Amino acid sequence: MKYLMEYFHIEYGSLQYTLVIIALYIVAIIAITFLIKRMFRRLALRLSEREDKKGLVGYLNFFKYIVLAVVYVIFLSSLTDYFPTLSSMANKLLAGSGVVAVIMGLASQDALGNFTSGIMIIFTKPFKVGDTIRYLDKNLSGVVESINIRHTVIRTFENKRVIVPNSTINNTVIENYNYLESEHRICNFFDISITYESDLKKAIEVLADEADKIPELLDIRSQEDIDSGVPKVKVLVTNFADSSIVLRAWLWSEDAATGALIKSKLYQSLLDRYRVEGIEFAYPQLVVHTSE
């Protein structure tokens, strides 16, 4: 560096010297930032090609920003060390700006909280990238797409991205459909209402029969259950409402998306079958009696 400055006749400590050093630092930080982002992008591409490592892709953004933050701090500290006057000015500014420091501290509480919550999510794993979760407070369901340094990205079933701050999602109740690696199956409640005039026994039999015809439906019975005559689809009466009898079927599926498909197919087939069997769906009715 010294010989380079002498070659261009730039004196040490001059304004030109300072500008050249700062320019070199800027070029270096841009180049290193580019290389770090490229490295993480290639690593993400390699992980995405491996089925057992896809879940790690979303965490790379979190660690990428941490690495970049460390690099920026190192460059800034080395720049101030390179110019003693700049370091002295920085120390005086920090020492004489207590009010500014307090304001900055208060303003950064949310950022620090999000960062800390992100680290807690990464290591405690209430959910991870690829999990299907339901944010109960907002009745929001979707797949965790990435966990960043500030926020978590959830891809809804409508293919929309919802950005939730880490501190918010870390302090709320989350329903995780994939919390246990060995258990992804879910039970889907299927509720319908029939009139009191309908044949209750027939309605239960038809509901179980139509559900049993759906190929995506899982049979969770053990061999002992099958031998003892336990039905594949459990159907119970759950309520005697004001104008209807409420039936509930337990439908097991491989995941939430398959469960929605099963329920859709059952709604369609059950409508036609109940019409044939003379079973009526209940709906609100108002009967007015008049006296002459």
Protein backbone atom coordinates (compact mmCIF):
# COMPACT_ATOMS: atom_id res chain seq x y z
CA MET A 1 0.00 0.00 0.00
CA LYS A 2 2.87 2.36 0.89
CA TYR A 3 4.61 1.86 -2.47
CA LEU A 4 1.32 2.27 -4.28
CA MET A 5 0.74 5.62 -2.60
CA GLU A 6 4.29 6.74 -3.43
CA TYR A 7 3.82 5.71 -7.05
CA PHE A 8 0.79 7.99 -7.36
CA HIS A 9 2.51 10.69 -5.28
CA ILE A 10 -0.11 10.60 -2.56
CA GLU A 11 1.16 11.80 0.81
CA TYR A 12 0.36 9.90 3.98
CA GLY A 13 -2.32 11.65 6.04
CA SER A 14 -3.52 13.84 3.21
CA LEU A 15 -7.14 14.11 2.12
CA GLN A 16 -6.39 12.14 -1.05
CA TYR A 17 -4.82 9.39 1.05
CA THR A 18 -7.90 9.20 3.28
CA LEU A 19 -10.28 9.10 0.32
CA VAL A 20 -8.27 6.33 -1.39
CA ILE A 21 -8.23 4.18 1.76
CA ILE A 22 -11.96 4.63 2.28
CA ALA A 23 -12.61 3.80 -1.39
CA LEU A 24 -10.51 0.62 -1.10
CA TYR A 25 -12.43 -0.38 2.03
CA ILE A 26 -15.74 0.14 0.23
CA VAL A 27 -14.61 -1.94 -2.76
CA ALA A 28 -13.36 -4.67 -0.44
CA ILE A 29 -16.59 -4.83 1.56
CA ILE A 30 -18.68 -4.96 -1.64
CA ALA A 31 -16.51 -7.77 -3.03
CA ILE A 32 -16.62 -9.78 0.20
CA THR A 33 -20.39 -9.28 0.50
CA PHE A 34 -20.81 -10.55 -3.05
CA LEU A 35 -18.65 -13.62 -2.36
CA ILE A 36 -20.49 -14.46 0.88
CA LYS A 37 -23.90 -14.20 -0.78
CA ARG A 38 -22.69 -16.31 -3.70
CA MET A 39 -21.30 -18.94 -1.34
CA PHE A 40 -24.57 -19.18 0.59
CA ARG A 41 -26.56 -19.30 -2.66
CA ARG A 42 -24.50 -22.23 -3.95
CA LEU A 43 -24.78 -23.99 -0.60
CA ALA A 44 -28.56 -23.55 -0.66
CA LEU A 45 -28.69 -25.01 -4.18
CA ARG A 46 -26.71 -28.07 -3.11
CA LEU A 47 -28.86 -28.64 -0.03
CA SER A 48 -32.07 -28.29 -2.04
CA GLU A 49 -30.92 -31.16 -4.27
CA ARG A 50 -30.78 -33.51 -1.26
CA GLU A 51 -34.14 -34.62 0.06
CA ASP A 52 -32.88 -35.07 3.64
CA LYS A 53 -31.26 -31.62 3.74
CA LYS A 54 -33.98 -29.44 2.21
CA GLY A 55 -35.11 -28.29 5.64
CA LEU A 56 -31.75 -26.57 6.22
CA VAL A 57 -32.11 -24.24 3.24
CA GLY A 58 -34.38 -21.82 5.05
CA TYR A 59 -31.91 -21.40 7.92
CA LEU A 60 -29.13 -20.22 5.61
CA ASN A 61 -30.61 -16.73 5.34
CA PHE A 62 -30.45 -16.38 9.12
CA PHE A 63 -26.78 -17.37 9.30
CA LYS A 64 -25.92 -15.38 6.18
CA TYR A 65 -27.02 -12.13 7.82
CA ILE A 66 -25.08 -13.00 10.98
CA VAL A 67 -21.90 -13.57 8.95
CA LEU A 68 -22.42 -10.31 7.05
CA ALA A 69 -23.00 -8.40 10.29
CA VAL A 70 -19.74 -9.77 11.74
CA VAL A 71 -17.84 -8.83 8.57
CA TYR A 72 -19.23 -5.28 8.63
CA VAL A 73 -18.26 -4.82 12.29
CA ILE A 74 -14.72 -6.07 11.62
CA PHE A 75 -14.30 -3.73 8.64
CA LEU A 76 -15.65 -0.76 10.56
CA SER A 77 -13.39 -1.39 13.55
CA SER A 78 -10.34 -1.86 11.32
CA LEU A 79 -11.17 1.35 9.47
CA THR A 80 -11.31 3.34 12.71
CA ASP A 81 -8.05 1.73 13.85
CA TYR A 82 -6.42 2.74 10.57
CA PHE A 83 -7.28 6.39 11.22
CA PRO A 84 -6.59 7.32 14.86
CA THR A 85 -8.34 10.68 14.40
CA LEU A 86 -11.47 8.90 13.17
CA SER A 87 -11.36 6.57 16.17
CA SER A 88 -10.92 9.53 18.52
CA MET A 89 -13.86 11.32 16.93
CA ALA A 90 -16.01 8.22 17.25
CA ASN A 91 -15.12 7.82 20.94
CA LYS A 92 -15.91 11.48 21.65
CA LEU A 93 -19.17 11.20 19.78
CA LEU A 94 -20.21 8.10 21.73
CA ALA A 95 -19.10 9.59 25.04
CA GLY A 96 -20.91 12.85 24.52
CA SER A 97 -24.16 11.52 23.09
CA GLY A 98 -25.78 9.72 25.98
CA VAL A 99 -29.24 10.86 24.98
CA VAL A 100 -28.72 9.62 21.44
CA ALA A 101 -27.47 6.30 22.79
CA VAL A 102 -30.57 5.92 24.95
CA ILE A 103 -32.83 6.71 22.01
CA MET A 104 -30.97 4.27 19.76
CA GLY A 105 -31.15 1.64 22.50
CA LEU A 106 -34.90 1.99 22.79
CA ALA A 107 -35.31 1.96 19.02
CA SER A 108 -33.23 -1.19 18.71
CA GLN A 109 -35.14 -3.17 21.34
CA ASP A 110 -37.51 -4.62 18.75
CA ALA A 111 -34.65 -5.52 16.43
CA LEU A 112 -32.70 -7.14 19.26
CA GLY A 113 -35.83 -8.98 20.42
CA ASN A 114 -36.46 -10.33 16.92
CA PHE A 115 -32.84 -11.41 16.60
CA THR A 116 -32.85 -13.17 19.99
CA SER A 117 -36.19 -14.84 19.24
CA GLY A 118 -34.84 -16.01 15.89
CA ILE A 119 -31.90 -17.69 17.64
CA MET A 120 -34.28 -19.34 20.13
CA ILE A 121 -36.46 -20.64 17.28
CA ILE A 122 -33.41 -22.03 15.49
CA PHE A 123 -32.12 -23.94 18.51
CA THR A 124 -35.29 -24.90 20.43
CA LYS A 125 -37.14 -25.79 17.19
CA PRO A 126 -40.82 -25.26 18.07
CA PHE A 127 -41.09 -25.34 14.29
CA LYS A 128 -38.60 -25.53 11.45
CA VAL A 129 -38.43 -24.77 7.76
CA GLY A 130 -40.84 -27.02 5.86
CA ASP A 131 -43.25 -27.56 8.77
CA THR A 132 -46.97 -26.95 8.31
CA ILE A 133 -48.14 -24.75 11.16
CA ARG A 134 -51.23 -22.83 12.26
CA TYR A 135 -50.85 -19.44 13.91
CA LEU A 136 -53.79 -19.73 16.31
CA ASP A 137 -54.08 -16.03 17.25
CA LYS A 138 -54.63 -15.06 13.61
CA ASN A 139 -56.12 -18.39 12.43
CA LEU A 140 -53.37 -18.48 9.81
CA SER A 141 -52.12 -21.75 8.33
CA GLY A 142 -49.23 -22.41 6.01
CA VAL A 143 -45.75 -23.81 5.50
CA VAL A 144 -42.67 -22.24 7.11
CA GLU A 145 -40.58 -21.09 4.15
CA SER A 146 -37.66 -19.39 5.89
CA ILE A 147 -36.49 -18.09 9.27
CA ASN A 148 -34.52 -14.87 8.86
CA ILE A 149 -32.64 -12.69 11.30
CA ARG A 150 -35.73 -10.50 11.89
CA HIS A 151 -38.80 -12.44 10.76
CA THR A 152 -40.27 -15.78 9.77
CA VAL A 153 -41.86 -16.25 6.34
CA ILE A 154 -45.00 -18.42 6.14
CA ARG A 155 -46.32 -19.52 2.75
CA THR A 156 -50.09 -19.90 3.02
CA PHE A 157 -52.10 -22.48 1.11
CA GLU A 158 -53.11 -19.63 -1.21
CA ASN A 159 -49.40 -19.28 -2.09
CA LYS A 160 -49.15 -15.92 -0.32
CA ARG A 161 -46.23 -14.97 1.91
CA VAL A 162 -46.97 -13.76 5.43
CA ILE A 163 -44.09 -12.02 7.24
CA VAL A 164 -44.25 -12.45 11.02
CA PRO A 165 -41.64 -10.86 13.35
CA ASN A 166 -39.70 -13.50 15.27
CA SER A 167 -40.51 -11.96 18.66
CA THR A 168 -44.23 -12.13 17.84
CA ILE A 169 -44.34 -15.72 16.62
CA ASN A 170 -42.02 -16.85 19.43
CA ASN A 171 -44.49 -15.56 22.06
CA THR A 172 -47.67 -17.00 20.63
CA VAL A 173 -49.32 -20.41 20.48
CA ILE A 174 -48.42 -22.37 17.34
CA GLU A 175 -50.04 -25.59 16.17
CA ASN A 176 -47.34 -27.64 14.43
CA TYR A 177 -48.56 -30.51 12.27
CA ASN A 178 -45.00 -31.84 11.84
CA TYR A 179 -43.61 -31.44 15.35
CA LEU A 180 -42.88 -35.16 15.63
CA GLU A 181 -40.72 -36.41 12.76
CA SER A 182 -42.23 -39.89 13.00
CA GLU A 183 -45.86 -38.72 13.05
CA HIS A 184 -47.20 -36.58 10.22
CA ARG A 185 -50.71 -38.02 10.12
CA ILE A 186 -53.57 -35.82 11.21
CA CYS A 187 -57.20 -36.42 12.12
CA ASN A 188 -59.74 -34.25 10.31
CA PHE A 189 -63.13 -33.69 11.94
CA PHE A 190 -65.99 -33.85 9.46
CA ASP A 191 -69.22 -32.41 10.89
CA ILE A 192 -72.65 -32.48 9.24
CA SER A 193 -76.19 -31.79 10.46
CA ILE A 194 -79.26 -33.83 9.57
CA THR A 195 -82.92 -33.28 10.39
CA TYR A 196 -84.65 -35.04 13.28
CA GLU A 197 -86.98 -36.70 10.77
CA SER A 198 -84.07 -38.49 9.03
CA ASP A 199 -83.07 -42.09 9.75
CA LEU A 200 -80.16 -41.58 12.17
CA LYS A 201 -78.77 -45.10 11.92
CA LYS A 202 -78.87 -45.00 8.13
CA ALA A 203 -77.21 -41.58 8.06
CA ILE A 204 -74.29 -42.86 10.16
CA GLU A 205 -73.87 -45.96 7.98
CA VAL A 206 -73.92 -43.96 4.74
CA LEU A 207 -71.42 -41.40 6.07
CA ALA A 208 -68.98 -44.14 7.10
CA ASP A 209 -69.46 -45.98 3.82
CA GLU A 210 -68.85 -42.94 1.61
CA ALA A 211 -65.76 -41.98 3.60
CA ASP A 212 -64.39 -45.51 3.30
CA LYS A 213 -64.54 -45.25 -0.51
CA ILE A 214 -62.05 -42.37 -0.64
CA PRO A 215 -58.62 -43.81 -1.55
CA GLU A 216 -56.63 -41.11 0.27
CA LEU A 217 -58.22 -42.00 3.62
CA LEU A 218 -55.79 -43.69 6.02
CA ASP A 219 -56.66 -46.79 7.99
CA ILE A 220 -54.99 -46.40 11.38
CA ARG A 221 -56.47 -49.54 12.93
CA SER A 222 -54.23 -52.24 14.30
CA GLN A 223 -54.78 -55.85 13.34
CA GLU A 224 -56.37 -56.41 16.73
CA ASP A 225 -58.83 -53.58 16.04
CA ILE A 226 -59.71 -55.06 12.65
CA ASP A 227 -60.25 -58.52 14.14
CA SER A 228 -62.50 -57.10 16.85
CA GLY A 229 -64.64 -55.23 14.32
CA VAL A 230 -63.57 -51.64 14.96
CA PRO A 231 -64.79 -49.57 11.96
CA LYS A 232 -62.30 -47.81 9.73
CA VAL A 233 -64.25 -44.56 10.05
CA LYS A 234 -65.61 -43.59 13.45
CA VAL A 235 -68.89 -41.67 13.32
CA LEU A 236 -70.60 -40.36 16.46
CA VAL A 237 -73.50 -38.09 17.37
CA THR A 238 -72.00 -34.98 18.97
CA ASN A 239 -74.98 -32.74 19.57
CA PHE A 240 -78.76 -32.39 19.52
CA ALA A 241 -79.08 -28.84 18.22
CA ASP A 242 -82.24 -26.74 18.01
CA SER A 243 -83.14 -27.97 14.53
CA SER A 244 -80.61 -30.70 13.73
CA ILE A 245 -78.67 -33.74 14.84
CA VAL A 246 -74.94 -33.17 14.49
CA LEU A 247 -72.75 -36.06 13.30
CA ARG A 248 -68.98 -36.13 13.38
CA ALA A 249 -66.66 -38.45 11.42
CA TRP A 250 -62.97 -38.95 12.20
CA LEU A 251 -61.00 -38.87 8.93
CA TRP A 252 -57.28 -39.64 9.06
CA SER A 253 -54.97 -38.34 6.34
CA GLU A 254 -51.26 -38.22 5.55
CA ASP A 255 -51.11 -34.43 5.93
CA ALA A 256 -53.28 -31.31 6.11
CA ALA A 257 -53.52 -30.83 2.34
CA THR A 258 -54.67 -34.42 1.82
CA GLY A 259 -57.17 -33.98 4.65
CA ALA A 260 -58.74 -31.01 2.86
CA LEU A 261 -59.00 -33.09 -0.32
CA ILE A 262 -60.68 -35.96 1.55
CA LYS A 263 -63.27 -33.64 3.08
CA SER A 264 -64.01 -32.06 -0.29
CA LYS A 265 -64.58 -35.45 -1.92
CA LEU A 266 -66.79 -36.58 0.95
CA TYR A 267 -68.96 -33.47 0.78
CA GLN A 268 -69.62 -34.10 -2.91
CA SER A 269 -70.35 -37.82 -2.68
CA LEU A 270 -72.41 -37.49 0.50
CA LEU A 271 -74.73 -34.91 -1.05
CA ASP A 272 -75.76 -37.31 -3.83
CA ARG A 273 -75.93 -40.37 -1.58
CA TYR A 274 -78.11 -38.70 1.07
CA ARG A 275 -80.53 -37.56 -1.60
CA VAL A 276 -80.88 -41.14 -2.83
CA GLU A 277 -81.32 -42.49 0.71
CA GLY A 278 -83.88 -39.81 1.64
CA ILE A 279 -81.74 -38.28 4.37
CA GLU A 280 -82.12 -34.52 4.68
CA PHE A 281 -79.45 -32.03 5.64
CA ALA A 282 -80.62 -29.62 8.30
CA TYR A 283 -80.71 -25.89 7.74
CA PRO A 284 -82.26 -23.03 9.70
CA GLN A 285 -86.02 -22.82 9.25
CA LEU A 286 -88.64 -20.51 10.71
CA VAL A 287 -92.19 -21.77 11.05
CA VAL A 288 -94.82 -19.12 11.73
CA HIS A 289 -98.20 -20.20 13.16
CA THR A 290 -101.07 -17.78 12.86
CA SER A 291 -104.34 -17.93 14.73
CA GLU A 292 -107.60 -16.80 13.15
